[in-house]
Amino acid sequence: MSDKLSFEKALEALEKLVDDLEKGDLPLEEAVKKYEEGMRLSKQCKTMLEKAEAALVRVMNENDEETDIDEN
């Protein structure tokens, strides 16, 4: 899988991997590969969420500064 997936696509792929693993009918080697891919996707999603959160905080801080300037 590509690191260029959107958050939604990466989350969808992660959910599918979890479903596959929860069924419990995969050979061990395949289950380990899916687990590793799931961990990679989980990290990718976490990174994207952290970047989105930082962007929102930055915008909120910029808006607060603009509000403070307007009030003076």
C-alpha atoms as a PDB file:
ATOM      1  CA  MET A   1       0.000   0.000   0.000  1.00  0.00           C
ATOM      2  CA  SER A   2       1.073   3.526  -0.682  1.00  0.00           C
ATOM      3  CA  ASP A   3       1.904   6.159   1.902  1.00  0.00           C
ATOM      4  CA  LYS A   4      -0.046   8.538  -0.347  1.00  0.00           C
ATOM      5  CA  LEU A   5      -3.447   7.220   0.780  1.00  0.00           C
ATOM      6  CA  SER A   6      -5.925   9.739   2.078  1.00  0.00           C
ATOM      7  CA  PHE A   7      -6.861   9.454   5.730  1.00  0.00           C
ATOM      8  CA  GLU A   8     -10.225   7.977   4.796  1.00  0.00           C
ATOM      9  CA  LYS A   9      -8.721   5.348   2.489  1.00  0.00           C
ATOM     10  CA  ALA A  10      -6.037   4.417   5.019  1.00  0.00           C
ATOM     11  CA  LEU A  11      -8.663   4.072   7.762  1.00  0.00           C
ATOM     12  CA  GLU A  12     -10.859   1.973   5.476  1.00  0.00           C
ATOM     13  CA  ALA A  13      -7.915  -0.335   4.690  1.00  0.00           C
ATOM     14  CA  LEU A  14      -7.082  -0.568   8.402  1.00  0.00           C
ATOM     15  CA  GLU A  15     -10.670  -1.510   9.254  1.00  0.00           C
ATOM     16  CA  LYS A  16     -10.591  -4.251   6.596  1.00  0.00           C
ATOM     17  CA  LEU A  17      -7.352  -5.639   8.011  1.00  0.00           C
ATOM     18  CA  VAL A  18      -8.839  -5.672  11.511  1.00  0.00           C
ATOM     19  CA  ASP A  19     -11.927  -7.495  10.220  1.00  0.00           C
ATOM     20  CA  ASP A  20      -9.733 -10.067   8.470  1.00  0.00           C
ATOM     21  CA  LEU A  21      -7.641 -10.611  11.601  1.00  0.00           C
ATOM     22  CA  GLU A  22     -10.669 -10.870  13.892  1.00  0.00           C
ATOM     23  CA  LYS A  23     -12.077 -13.734  11.840  1.00  0.00           C
ATOM     24  CA  GLY A  24      -9.141 -15.809  13.094  1.00  0.00           C
ATOM     25  CA  ASP A  25      -8.978 -18.079  10.054  1.00  0.00           C
ATOM     26  CA  LEU A  26      -5.778 -16.736   8.466  1.00  0.00           C
ATOM     27  CA  PRO A  27      -2.569 -18.742   8.339  1.00  0.00           C
ATOM     28  CA  LEU A  28      -0.058 -17.370  10.839  1.00  0.00           C
ATOM     29  CA  GLU A  29       2.300 -15.941   8.208  1.00  0.00           C
ATOM     30  CA  GLU A  30      -0.525 -14.043   6.500  1.00  0.00           C
ATOM     31  CA  ALA A  31      -1.887 -12.832   9.838  1.00  0.00           C
ATOM     32  CA  VAL A  32       1.542 -11.450  10.769  1.00  0.00           C
ATOM     33  CA  LYS A  33       1.804  -9.622   7.427  1.00  0.00           C
ATOM     34  CA  LYS A  34      -1.654  -8.139   7.883  1.00  0.00           C
ATOM     35  CA  TYR A  35      -0.803  -7.131  11.441  1.00  0.00           C
ATOM     36  CA  GLU A  36       2.372  -5.389  10.256  1.00  0.00           C
ATOM     37  CA  GLU A  37       0.438  -3.578   7.516  1.00  0.00           C
ATOM     38  CA  GLY A  38      -2.199  -2.596  10.059  1.00  0.00           C
ATOM     39  CA  MET A  39       0.437  -1.132  12.352  1.00  0.00           C
ATOM     40  CA  ARG A  40       1.869   0.860   9.441  1.00  0.00           C
ATOM     41  CA  LEU A  41      -1.580   2.157   8.494  1.00  0.00           C
ATOM     42  CA  SER A  42      -2.327   2.982  12.123  1.00  0.00           C
ATOM     43  CA  LYS A  43       0.864   5.033  12.361  1.00  0.00           C
ATOM     44  CA  GLN A  44       0.056   6.763   9.063  1.00  0.00           C
ATOM     45  CA  CYS A  45      -3.443   7.676  10.291  1.00  0.00           C
ATOM     46  CA  LYS A  46      -2.062   8.927  13.602  1.00  0.00           C
ATOM     47  CA  THR A  47       0.468  11.126  11.815  1.00  0.00           C
ATOM     48  CA  MET A  48      -2.221  12.583   9.546  1.00  0.00           C
ATOM     49  CA  LEU A  49      -4.473  13.290  12.545  1.00  0.00           C
ATOM     50  CA  GLU A  50      -1.629  14.995  14.409  1.00  0.00           C
ATOM     51  CA  LYS A  51      -0.906  17.202  11.375  1.00  0.00           C
ATOM     52  CA  ALA A  52      -4.576  18.090  11.016  1.00  0.00           C
ATOM     53  CA  GLU A  53      -4.818  18.907  14.725  1.00  0.00           C
ATOM     54  CA  ALA A  54      -1.718  21.126  14.529  1.00  0.00           C
ATOM     55  CA  ALA A  55      -3.184  22.960  11.537  1.00  0.00           C
ATOM     56  CA  LEU A  56      -6.459  23.529  13.371  1.00  0.00           C
ATOM     57  CA  VAL A  57      -4.676  24.796  16.472  1.00  0.00           C
ATOM     58  CA  ARG A  58      -2.594  27.147  14.315  1.00  0.00           C
ATOM     59  CA  VAL A  59      -5.717  28.515  12.603  1.00  0.00           C
ATOM     60  CA  MET A  60      -7.523  28.901  15.915  1.00  0.00           C
ATOM     61  CA  ASN A  61      -4.519  30.738  17.377  1.00  0.00           C
ATOM     62  CA  GLU A  62      -4.335  33.002  14.328  1.00  0.00           C
ATOM     63  CA  ASN A  63      -8.030  33.789  14.705  1.00  0.00           C
ATOM     64  CA  ASP A  64      -7.559  34.560  18.392  1.00  0.00           C
ATOM     65  CA  GLU A  65      -4.710  36.934  17.549  1.00  0.00           C
ATOM     66  CA  GLU A  66      -6.843  38.653  14.923  1.00  0.00           C
ATOM     67  CA  THR A  67      -9.663  39.003  17.446  1.00  0.00           C
ATOM     68  CA  ASP A  68      -7.260  40.501  20.003  1.00  0.00           C
ATOM     69  CA  ILE A  69      -5.945  43.004  17.459  1.00  0.00           C
ATOM     70  CA  ASP A  70      -9.466  44.002  16.443  1.00  0.00           C
ATOM     71  CA  GLU A  71     -10.438  44.616  20.056  1.00  0.00           C
ATOM     72  CA  ASN A  72      -7.572  47.080  20.701  1.00  0.00           C
END
